[in-house]
C-alpha atoms as a PDB file:
ATOM      1  CA  UNK A   1       0.000   0.000   0.000  1.00  0.00           C
ATOM      2  CA  UNK A   2       1.203   3.488  -0.850  1.00  0.00           C
ATOM      3  CA  UNK A   3       0.004   6.706   0.821  1.00  0.00           C
ATOM      4  CA  UNK A   4       0.315  10.057  -0.898  1.00  0.00           C
ATOM      5  CA  UNK A   5      -0.213  13.261   1.106  1.00  0.00           C
ATOM      6  CA  UNK A   6      -2.514  15.608  -0.820  1.00  0.00           C
ATOM      7  CA  UNK A   7      -3.133  18.355   1.709  1.00  0.00           C
ATOM      8  CA  UNK A   8      -2.119  19.442   5.224  1.00  0.00           C
ATOM      9  CA  UNK A   9      -3.557  22.340   7.173  1.00  0.00           C
ATOM     10  CA  UNK A  10      -4.109  23.717  10.636  1.00  0.00           C
ATOM     11  CA  UNK A  11      -7.749  24.545  11.252  1.00  0.00           C
ATOM     12  CA  UNK A  12     -10.125  25.444  14.042  1.00  0.00           C
ATOM     13  CA  UNK A  13     -12.581  22.772  15.187  1.00  0.00           C
ATOM     14  CA  UNK A  14     -16.136  23.591  14.204  1.00  0.00           C
ATOM     15  CA  UNK A  15     -19.006  22.504  16.446  1.00  0.00           C
ATOM     16  CA  UNK A  16     -19.285  19.013  14.903  1.00  0.00           C
ATOM     17  CA  UNK A  17     -15.562  18.216  14.902  1.00  0.00           C
ATOM     18  CA  UNK A  18     -15.180  19.608  18.418  1.00  0.00           C
ATOM     19  CA  UNK A  19     -17.889  17.212  19.627  1.00  0.00           C
ATOM     20  CA  UNK A  20     -16.323  14.220  17.869  1.00  0.00           C
ATOM     21  CA  UNK A  21     -12.750  14.992  19.007  1.00  0.00           C
ATOM     22  CA  UNK A  22     -13.927  16.093  22.475  1.00  0.00           C
ATOM     23  CA  UNK A  23     -12.148  19.434  22.215  1.00  0.00           C
ATOM     24  CA  UNK A  24     -13.385  22.995  22.572  1.00  0.00           C
ATOM     25  CA  UNK A  25     -15.050  24.595  19.567  1.00  0.00           C
ATOM     26  CA  UNK A  26     -12.391  26.768  17.906  1.00  0.00           C
ATOM     27  CA  UNK A  27      -9.508  24.665  19.266  1.00  0.00           C
ATOM     28  CA  UNK A  28      -6.650  24.081  16.839  1.00  0.00           C
ATOM     29  CA  UNK A  29      -6.740  20.789  14.942  1.00  0.00           C
ATOM     30  CA  UNK A  30      -4.661  19.319  12.135  1.00  0.00           C
ATOM     31  CA  UNK A  31      -6.291  18.180   8.898  1.00  0.00           C
ATOM     32  CA  UNK A  32      -4.410  15.813   6.605  1.00  0.00           C
ATOM     33  CA  UNK A  33      -5.817  14.371   3.368  1.00  0.00           C
ATOM     34  CA  UNK A  34      -4.101  11.387   1.797  1.00  0.00           C
ATOM     35  CA  UNK A  35      -4.696   9.245  -1.246  1.00  0.00           C
ATOM     36  CA  UNK A  36      -4.377   5.513  -0.533  1.00  0.00           C
ATOM     37  CA  UNK A  37      -3.036   3.499  -3.457  1.00  0.00           C
ATOM     38  CA  UNK A  38      -2.934  -0.268  -3.645  1.00  0.00           C
ATOM     39  CA  UNK A  39      -1.563  -2.302  -6.548  1.00  0.00           C
ATOM     40  CA  UNK A  40      -1.133   0.920  -8.555  1.00  0.00           C
ATOM     41  CA  UNK A  41      -4.842   1.806  -8.193  1.00  0.00           C
ATOM     42  CA  UNK A  42      -6.151   4.675  -6.080  1.00  0.00           C
ATOM     43  CA  UNK A  43      -8.584   3.036  -3.686  1.00  0.00           C
ATOM     44  CA  UNK A  44      -9.393   5.625  -1.017  1.00  0.00           C
ATOM     45  CA  UNK A  45      -9.198   9.229   0.061  1.00  0.00           C
ATOM     46  CA  UNK A  46      -8.471   9.485   3.772  1.00  0.00           C
ATOM     47  CA  UNK A  47      -9.400  12.710   5.583  1.00  0.00           C
ATOM     48  CA  UNK A  48      -7.762  12.769   9.021  1.00  0.00           C
ATOM     49  CA  UNK A  49      -8.557  15.218  11.843  1.00  0.00           C
ATOM     50  CA  UNK A  50      -6.522  15.253  15.070  1.00  0.00           C
ATOM     51  CA  UNK A  51      -6.230  17.560  18.078  1.00  0.00           C
ATOM     52  CA  UNK A  52      -2.994  19.471  17.478  1.00  0.00           C
ATOM     53  CA  UNK A  53      -2.266  19.661  21.223  1.00  0.00           C
ATOM     54  CA  UNK A  54      -1.929  15.866  21.311  1.00  0.00           C
ATOM     55  CA  UNK A  55       0.217  15.644  18.174  1.00  0.00           C
ATOM     56  CA  UNK A  56       2.809  18.429  18.104  1.00  0.00           C
ATOM     57  CA  UNK A  57       4.718  18.407  14.821  1.00  0.00           C
ATOM     58  CA  UNK A  58       2.432  15.859  13.132  1.00  0.00           C
ATOM     59  CA  UNK A  59       2.249  17.639   9.757  1.00  0.00           C
ATOM     60  CA  UNK A  60       6.055  17.419   9.502  1.00  0.00           C
ATOM     61  CA  UNK A  61       6.128  13.754  10.539  1.00  0.00           C
ATOM     62  CA  UNK A  62       3.189  12.320   8.575  1.00  0.00           C
ATOM     63  CA  UNK A  63       4.783  12.094   5.156  1.00  0.00           C
ATOM     64  CA  UNK A  64       3.996   9.873   2.175  1.00  0.00           C
ATOM     65  CA  UNK A  65       3.995   6.211   3.199  1.00  0.00           C
ATOM     66  CA  UNK A  66       4.295   6.944   6.921  1.00  0.00           C
ATOM     67  CA  UNK A  67       1.682   5.122   8.988  1.00  0.00           C
ATOM     68  CA  UNK A  68      -0.296   7.378  11.312  1.00  0.00           C
ATOM     69  CA  UNK A  69      -0.838   4.435  13.666  1.00  0.00           C
ATOM     70  CA  UNK A  70       2.901   3.764  13.771  1.00  0.00           C
ATOM     71  CA  UNK A  71       3.460   7.405  14.785  1.00  0.00           C
ATOM     72  CA  UNK A  72       0.770   7.130  17.492  1.00  0.00           C
ATOM     73  CA  UNK A  73       2.453   4.058  18.901  1.00  0.00           C
ATOM     74  CA  UNK A  74       6.169   4.685  18.389  1.00  0.00           C
ATOM     75  CA  UNK A  75       6.586   8.476  18.369  1.00  0.00           C
ATOM     76  CA  UNK A  76       3.752   9.816  20.510  1.00  0.00           C
ATOM     77  CA  UNK A  77       3.528   6.696  22.705  1.00  0.00           C
ATOM     78  CA  UNK A  78      -0.245   6.631  23.127  1.00  0.00           C
ATOM     79  CA  UNK A  79      -1.878   3.331  23.982  1.00  0.00           C
ATOM     80  CA  UNK A  80      -4.776   2.367  21.742  1.00  0.00           C
ATOM     81  CA  UNK A  81      -8.293   2.278  23.141  1.00  0.00           C
ATOM     82  CA  UNK A  82     -11.758   1.818  21.682  1.00  0.00           C
ATOM     83  CA  UNK A  83     -12.827   2.669  18.144  1.00  0.00           C
ATOM     84  CA  UNK A  84     -16.146   3.745  16.723  1.00  0.00           C
ATOM     85  CA  UNK A  85     -16.832   2.886  13.078  1.00  0.00           C
ATOM     86  CA  UNK A  86     -19.694   3.873  10.794  1.00  0.00           C
ATOM     87  CA  UNK A  87     -19.920   2.481   7.274  1.00  0.00           C
ATOM     88  CA  UNK A  88     -22.214   4.222   4.783  1.00  0.00           C
ATOM     89  CA  UNK A  89     -22.790   3.967   1.051  1.00  0.00           C
ATOM     90  CA  UNK A  90     -22.547   6.906  -1.335  1.00  0.00           C
ATOM     91  CA  UNK A  91     -21.634   7.756  -4.910  1.00  0.00           C
ATOM     92  CA  UNK A  92     -18.560   9.489  -6.305  1.00  0.00           C
ATOM     93  CA  UNK A  93     -18.693  13.238  -6.854  1.00  0.00           C
ATOM     94  CA  UNK A  94     -16.576  14.812  -9.580  1.00  0.00           C
ATOM     95  CA  UNK A  95     -13.579  15.705  -7.368  1.00  0.00           C
ATOM     96  CA  UNK A  96     -13.608  12.288  -5.674  1.00  0.00           C
ATOM     97  CA  UNK A  97     -13.916  10.509  -9.013  1.00  0.00           C
ATOM     98  CA  UNK A  98     -10.922  12.418 -10.368  1.00  0.00           C
ATOM     99  CA  UNK A  99      -8.690  11.535  -7.417  1.00  0.00           C
ATOM    100  CA  UNK A 100      -9.848   7.913  -7.358  1.00  0.00           C
ATOM    101  CA  UNK A 101      -9.830   7.547 -11.163  1.00  0.00           C
ATOM    102  CA  UNK A 102     -13.423   6.395 -10.832  1.00  0.00           C
ATOM    103  CA  UNK A 103     -16.486   7.577 -12.815  1.00  0.00           C
ATOM    104  CA  UNK A 104     -18.736  10.175 -11.198  1.00  0.00           C
ATOM    105  CA  UNK A 105     -21.796   8.443  -9.752  1.00  0.00           C
ATOM    106  CA  UNK A 106     -19.981   5.149  -9.082  1.00  0.00           C
ATOM    107  CA  UNK A 107     -20.587   3.462  -5.713  1.00  0.00           C
ATOM    108  CA  UNK A 108     -18.430   4.339  -2.717  1.00  0.00           C
ATOM    109  CA  UNK A 109     -18.129   3.296   0.899  1.00  0.00           C
ATOM    110  CA  UNK A 110     -17.775   6.104   3.421  1.00  0.00           C
ATOM    111  CA  UNK A 111     -15.990   4.880   6.552  1.00  0.00           C
ATOM    112  CA  UNK A 112     -16.106   7.238   9.500  1.00  0.00           C
ATOM    113  CA  UNK A 113     -13.855   6.283  12.368  1.00  0.00           C
ATOM    114  CA  UNK A 114     -12.871   7.747  15.688  1.00  0.00           C
ATOM    115  CA  UNK A 115     -10.333   6.135  17.960  1.00  0.00           C
ATOM    116  CA  UNK A 116      -9.621   6.796  21.603  1.00  0.00           C
ATOM    117  CA  UNK A 117      -6.371   6.250  23.401  1.00  0.00           C
ATOM    118  CA  UNK A 118      -6.224   3.981  26.436  1.00  0.00           C
ATOM    119  CA  UNK A 119      -7.127   6.861  28.791  1.00  0.00           C
ATOM    120  CA  UNK A 120     -10.276   7.678  26.772  1.00  0.00           C
ATOM    121  CA  UNK A 121      -9.109  10.854  24.995  1.00  0.00           C
ATOM    122  CA  UNK A 122      -9.941  10.869  21.287  1.00  0.00           C
ATOM    123  CA  UNK A 123      -6.846  10.374  19.130  1.00  0.00           C
ATOM    124  CA  UNK A 124      -8.429  11.059  15.778  1.00  0.00           C
ATOM    125  CA  UNK A 125     -11.459  11.204  13.573  1.00  0.00           C
ATOM    126  CA  UNK A 126     -11.205  10.116   9.968  1.00  0.00           C
ATOM    127  CA  UNK A 127     -13.537  10.002   7.023  1.00  0.00           C
ATOM    128  CA  UNK A 128     -12.359   7.608   4.332  1.00  0.00           C
ATOM    129  CA  UNK A 129     -13.951   7.656   0.886  1.00  0.00           C
ATOM    130  CA  UNK A 130     -13.406   4.194  -0.572  1.00  0.00           C
ATOM    131  CA  UNK A 131     -13.994   2.782  -4.057  1.00  0.00           C
ATOM    132  CA  UNK A 132     -16.622   0.068  -3.720  1.00  0.00           C
ATOM    133  CA  UNK A 133     -15.139  -1.911  -6.619  1.00  0.00           C
ATOM    134  CA  UNK A 134     -11.778  -2.296  -4.844  1.00  0.00           C
ATOM    135  CA  UNK A 135     -12.870  -3.264  -1.321  1.00  0.00           C
ATOM    136  CA  UNK A 136     -15.270  -5.642   0.333  1.00  0.00           C
ATOM    137  CA  UNK A 137     -16.241  -5.869   3.984  1.00  0.00           C
ATOM    138  CA  UNK A 138     -16.964  -9.166   5.687  1.00  0.00           C
ATOM    139  CA  UNK A 139     -18.787  -9.538   8.999  1.00  0.00           C
ATOM    140  CA  UNK A 140     -19.444 -12.687  10.990  1.00  0.00           C
ATOM    141  CA  UNK A 141     -22.676 -12.445  12.981  1.00  0.00           C
ATOM    142  CA  UNK A 142     -23.595 -14.726  15.878  1.00  0.00           C
ATOM    143  CA  UNK A 143     -27.103 -15.984  16.662  1.00  0.00           C
ATOM    144  CA  UNK A 144     -27.746 -12.972  18.910  1.00  0.00           C
ATOM    145  CA  UNK A 145     -27.213 -10.597  15.984  1.00  0.00           C
ATOM    146  CA  UNK A 146     -23.836  -9.412  17.207  1.00  0.00           C
ATOM    147  CA  UNK A 147     -20.924  -8.948  14.854  1.00  0.00           C
ATOM    148  CA  UNK A 148     -17.790 -10.854  15.808  1.00  0.00           C
ATOM    149  CA  UNK A 149     -14.504  -9.254  14.787  1.00  0.00           C
ATOM    150  CA  UNK A 150     -11.274 -11.179  15.445  1.00  0.00           C
ATOM    151  CA  UNK A 151     -12.703 -12.623  18.604  1.00  0.00           C
ATOM    152  CA  UNK A 152     -14.031  -9.276  19.855  1.00  0.00           C
ATOM    153  CA  UNK A 153     -17.781  -8.981  20.101  1.00  0.00           C
ATOM    154  CA  UNK A 154     -19.607  -5.751  19.321  1.00  0.00           C
ATOM    155  CA  UNK A 155     -23.196  -4.818  18.563  1.00  0.00           C
ATOM    156  CA  UNK A 156     -24.647  -4.105  15.146  1.00  0.00           C
ATOM    157  CA  UNK A 157     -26.979  -1.172  15.656  1.00  0.00           C
ATOM    158  CA  UNK A 158     -29.585   0.396  13.454  1.00  0.00           C
ATOM    159  CA  UNK A 159     -30.397   4.043  14.118  1.00  0.00           C
ATOM    160  CA  UNK A 160     -33.914   4.980  15.231  1.00  0.00           C
ATOM    161  CA  UNK A 161     -34.833   6.632  11.908  1.00  0.00           C
ATOM    162  CA  UNK A 162     -33.938   3.468  10.024  1.00  0.00           C
ATOM    163  CA  UNK A 163     -35.921   1.347  12.504  1.00  0.00           C
ATOM    164  CA  UNK A 164     -38.948   3.577  11.909  1.00  0.00           C
ATOM    165  CA  UNK A 165     -38.518   3.239   8.143  1.00  0.00           C
ATOM    166  CA  UNK A 166     -38.451  -0.542   8.431  1.00  0.00           C
ATOM    167  CA  UNK A 167     -41.640  -0.533  10.485  1.00  0.00           C
ATOM    168  CA  UNK A 168     -43.454   1.552   7.836  1.00  0.00           C
END
């Protein structure tokens, strides 16, 4: 896998990002956008948001082909905690299609992820835009309707709006 940095900036957390990252609205955050390439094909656009106070110097360290998780572990020395993942479906817009070399309107997965460190502080929030023709997701579900992931058990939830739609 190859990672290509497309954009780096220092921004101020808006209300939504502040809530996700558990920082104050207006607090400084780093934004880094990377293109993920596998087998010479662009497969994803990764948009990463991190609290700058937790990651001093990150924009200078997170270069092409440097793993963010390796930096968390080896450079910043944070222990990994829980993750929250949301997987949605979408279609490629013009700018996404150009970067991914994928026709506008083609199916995409949108993976939103936040990860906490061992002490509960949020390490990052990312939104990955993934070509649906290059990736598949597999879930094993037990009889109780719980997804099993590498021996860890977690619940498959459906939001209330979707539940209401299914009842209709």
